[in-house]
Amino acid sequence: MIASHVEPTTTLAQLQESKPERVTIVLLSGDLDRAMAAFIIATGAAAMGMRVTMFFTFWGLNTIRRKGAASSAKDWLRRMFGFLNKGGADTLPLSRFHFGGLGTKMMQQVMKQNRMPGVPELMQTAIDLDVRFIACTTTMGLMGISKDTLIDGIDQFAGVTTYLAEAKHGSVNLFI
């Protein structure tokens, strides 16, 4: 097994030298730590002048749902998805050590002590930096999520072909 060590300053210098112009990020997860990582990368890339597109699909749609927005689905199964997935960037669980919400509260406390912005603040920064948000219409229909249950600021409601058209021109494509 070959292990390599990459210095962050070297990697940043390489990125600045190669000047990738487009970054795409697929956010599949609705976990706090993963959403935070996605928005940190997105805002960092946008601050470097790159065009950034985030594609929200499956549980990642919970990140851009309005807090407490009820599902307007007609069938009980999709309404149940909406009930179980409350949504809202400030109510996301941790991917590990959630412990019924205790782990998330502890993480939020540590973030606050270290003056680290939460997902809602990172999301607003991304919007301010013109990061494009695409909500996956296929999974919206599958999970009973309607446009009116999502936050303002979604640039496009589209399927995977729209994401792939963006990713085709991207030099950095991430799946979180």
Protein backbone atom coordinates (compact mmCIF):
# COMPACT_ATOMS: atom_id res chain seq x y z
CA MET A 1 0.00 0.00 0.00
CA ILE A 2 1.33 3.39 -0.96
CA ALA A 3 0.46 6.28 1.26
CA SER A 4 1.03 9.84 0.26
CA HIS A 5 1.00 12.95 2.33
CA VAL A 6 -0.32 16.11 0.73
CA GLU A 7 0.41 19.47 2.25
CA PRO A 8 -2.68 21.74 2.20
CA THR A 9 -0.62 24.74 1.11
CA THR A 10 0.79 22.74 -1.80
CA THR A 11 -2.66 21.59 -2.87
CA LEU A 12 -4.05 25.14 -2.64
CA ALA A 13 -1.11 26.46 -4.65
CA GLN A 14 -1.71 23.79 -7.29
CA LEU A 15 -5.39 24.70 -7.45
CA GLN A 16 -4.59 28.41 -7.81
CA GLU A 17 -2.04 27.63 -10.52
CA SER A 18 -4.33 25.34 -12.51
CA LYS A 19 -7.27 27.73 -11.98
CA PRO A 20 -10.14 25.30 -12.27
CA GLU A 21 -13.12 27.31 -13.36
CA ARG A 22 -16.02 25.12 -12.35
CA VAL A 23 -16.78 23.03 -9.31
CA THR A 24 -19.82 20.83 -8.91
CA ILE A 25 -20.91 19.24 -5.66
CA VAL A 26 -23.61 16.61 -5.30
CA LEU A 27 -25.01 16.71 -1.78
CA LEU A 28 -26.73 13.38 -1.21
CA SER A 29 -26.50 13.40 2.57
CA GLY A 30 -28.70 15.27 5.02
CA ASP A 31 -26.15 14.94 7.83
CA LEU A 32 -24.87 18.07 9.57
CA ASP A 33 -21.18 17.28 9.22
CA ARG A 34 -21.42 16.32 5.56
CA ALA A 35 -23.57 19.33 4.66
CA MET A 36 -21.13 21.57 6.49
CA ALA A 37 -18.20 20.08 4.53
CA ALA A 38 -20.07 20.60 1.24
CA PHE A 39 -20.81 24.26 2.02
CA ILE A 40 -17.26 24.95 3.27
CA ILE A 41 -15.86 23.58 0.00
CA ALA A 42 -18.47 25.45 -2.06
CA THR A 43 -17.86 28.79 -0.37
CA GLY A 44 -14.09 28.33 -0.50
CA ALA A 45 -14.19 27.59 -4.21
CA ALA A 46 -16.57 30.49 -4.88
CA ALA A 47 -14.31 32.82 -2.89
CA MET A 48 -11.46 31.74 -5.20
CA GLY A 49 -13.50 32.92 -8.16
CA MET A 50 -14.73 29.54 -9.36
CA ARG A 51 -18.25 28.92 -10.62
CA VAL A 52 -19.82 26.51 -8.14
CA THR A 53 -22.96 24.44 -8.61
CA MET A 54 -24.49 22.37 -5.83
CA PHE A 55 -26.93 19.61 -6.76
CA PHE A 56 -29.19 18.55 -3.88
CA THR A 57 -30.68 15.08 -4.12
CA PHE A 58 -32.26 12.47 -1.82
CA TRP A 59 -31.50 13.32 1.86
CA GLY A 60 -29.44 16.32 0.76
CA LEU A 61 -32.75 18.00 -0.07
CA ASN A 62 -33.40 18.22 3.69
CA THR A 63 -30.61 20.78 3.87
CA ILE A 64 -32.52 23.21 1.67
CA ARG A 65 -35.99 22.47 3.07
CA ARG A 66 -37.73 25.10 5.11
CA LYS A 67 -37.71 24.20 8.78
CA GLY A 68 -40.90 22.34 9.66
CA ALA A 69 -42.36 22.58 6.15
CA ALA A 70 -45.09 19.99 5.77
CA SER A 71 -45.26 17.74 2.76
CA SER A 72 -48.07 18.42 0.36
CA ALA A 73 -47.92 14.93 -1.12
CA LYS A 74 -51.23 13.26 -1.77
CA ASP A 75 -50.34 9.71 -0.79
CA TRP A 76 -49.57 8.63 2.80
CA LEU A 77 -46.16 7.13 2.01
CA ARG A 78 -44.72 10.40 0.65
CA ARG A 79 -46.39 12.38 3.42
CA MET A 80 -44.64 10.02 5.86
CA PHE A 81 -41.29 10.79 4.19
CA GLY A 82 -42.04 14.47 4.73
CA PHE A 83 -42.99 13.85 8.36
CA LEU A 84 -39.85 11.81 9.10
CA ASN A 85 -37.56 14.25 7.29
CA LYS A 86 -38.31 17.50 9.04
CA GLY A 87 -35.74 19.42 7.07
CA GLY A 88 -34.12 22.71 7.87
CA ALA A 89 -30.39 23.41 7.83
CA ASP A 90 -30.31 23.98 11.58
CA THR A 91 -31.93 20.65 12.49
CA LEU A 92 -29.66 18.24 10.62
CA PRO A 93 -28.35 15.24 12.60
CA LEU A 94 -24.71 14.16 12.81
CA SER A 95 -23.69 11.22 10.61
CA ARG A 96 -22.04 9.56 13.62
CA PHE A 97 -22.45 9.96 17.39
CA HIS A 98 -25.82 11.61 17.03
CA PHE A 99 -27.10 9.96 20.27
CA GLY A 100 -30.67 11.16 19.84
CA GLY A 101 -29.55 14.75 19.26
CA LEU A 102 -27.03 15.04 22.11
CA GLY A 103 -24.03 14.63 19.77
CA THR A 104 -25.42 17.28 17.44
CA LYS A 105 -25.91 19.73 20.32
CA MET A 106 -22.35 19.06 21.52
CA MET A 107 -21.00 19.63 17.99
CA GLN A 108 -22.97 22.88 17.65
CA GLN A 109 -21.62 24.04 21.01
CA VAL A 110 -18.02 23.31 19.96
CA MET A 111 -18.61 25.10 16.67
CA LYS A 112 -20.00 28.12 18.51
CA GLN A 113 -17.04 28.18 20.94
CA ASN A 114 -14.69 28.16 17.95
CA ARG A 115 -16.75 30.80 16.13
CA MET A 116 -17.39 28.44 13.26
CA PRO A 117 -20.51 29.22 11.24
CA GLY A 118 -23.28 26.67 11.14
CA VAL A 119 -24.90 25.26 8.02
CA PRO A 120 -27.52 28.06 7.78
CA GLU A 121 -24.80 30.73 7.85
CA LEU A 122 -22.62 28.80 5.37
CA MET A 123 -25.65 28.38 3.10
CA GLN A 124 -26.32 32.13 3.18
CA THR A 125 -22.65 32.80 2.41
CA ALA A 126 -22.90 30.41 -0.54
CA ILE A 127 -25.97 32.27 -1.82
CA ASP A 128 -24.17 35.61 -1.37
CA LEU A 129 -21.20 34.24 -3.37
CA ASP A 130 -23.54 33.20 -6.22
CA VAL A 131 -23.19 29.46 -5.70
CA ARG A 132 -25.88 27.89 -7.86
CA PHE A 133 -28.36 25.58 -6.14
CA ILE A 134 -30.12 22.90 -8.17
CA ALA A 135 -32.83 20.81 -6.49
CA CYS A 136 -33.27 17.35 -8.01
CA THR A 137 -36.82 17.11 -9.30
CA THR A 138 -36.72 13.32 -9.55
CA THR A 139 -36.07 12.81 -5.86
CA MET A 140 -38.37 15.70 -4.94
CA GLY A 141 -41.21 13.74 -6.53
CA LEU A 142 -40.02 10.48 -5.01
CA MET A 143 -39.88 11.92 -1.49
CA GLY A 144 -42.99 14.10 -1.71
CA ILE A 145 -41.06 17.38 -1.56
CA SER A 146 -42.63 20.32 -3.37
CA LYS A 147 -41.06 23.60 -4.45
CA ASP A 148 -42.93 25.52 -1.77
CA THR A 149 -41.31 23.46 1.00
CA LEU A 150 -37.81 24.51 -0.10
CA ILE A 151 -35.97 27.71 0.86
CA ASP A 152 -35.86 30.76 -1.37
CA GLY A 153 -32.73 31.00 -3.48
CA ILE A 154 -32.97 27.74 -5.40
CA ASP A 155 -31.66 28.62 -8.86
CA GLN A 156 -33.08 25.68 -10.72
CA PHE A 157 -35.33 22.66 -10.33
CA ALA A 158 -33.92 20.01 -12.63
CA GLY A 159 -32.85 16.41 -13.05
CA VAL A 160 -29.57 14.61 -13.35
CA THR A 161 -28.98 15.63 -16.96
CA THR A 162 -28.72 19.27 -15.89
CA TYR A 163 -26.22 18.31 -13.21
CA LEU A 164 -24.22 16.22 -15.69
CA ALA A 165 -24.12 19.12 -18.15
CA GLU A 166 -22.56 21.25 -15.38
CA ALA A 167 -20.21 18.47 -14.23
CA LYS A 168 -19.02 17.88 -17.79
CA HIS A 169 -17.38 21.31 -17.71
CA GLY A 170 -16.22 21.05 -14.11
CA SER A 171 -12.64 20.36 -13.21
CA VAL A 172 -13.58 19.48 -9.64
CA ASN A 173 -16.62 17.26 -9.11
CA LEU A 174 -17.45 16.05 -5.62
CA PHE A 175 -20.05 13.66 -4.24
CA ILE A 176 -20.88 14.15 -0.56
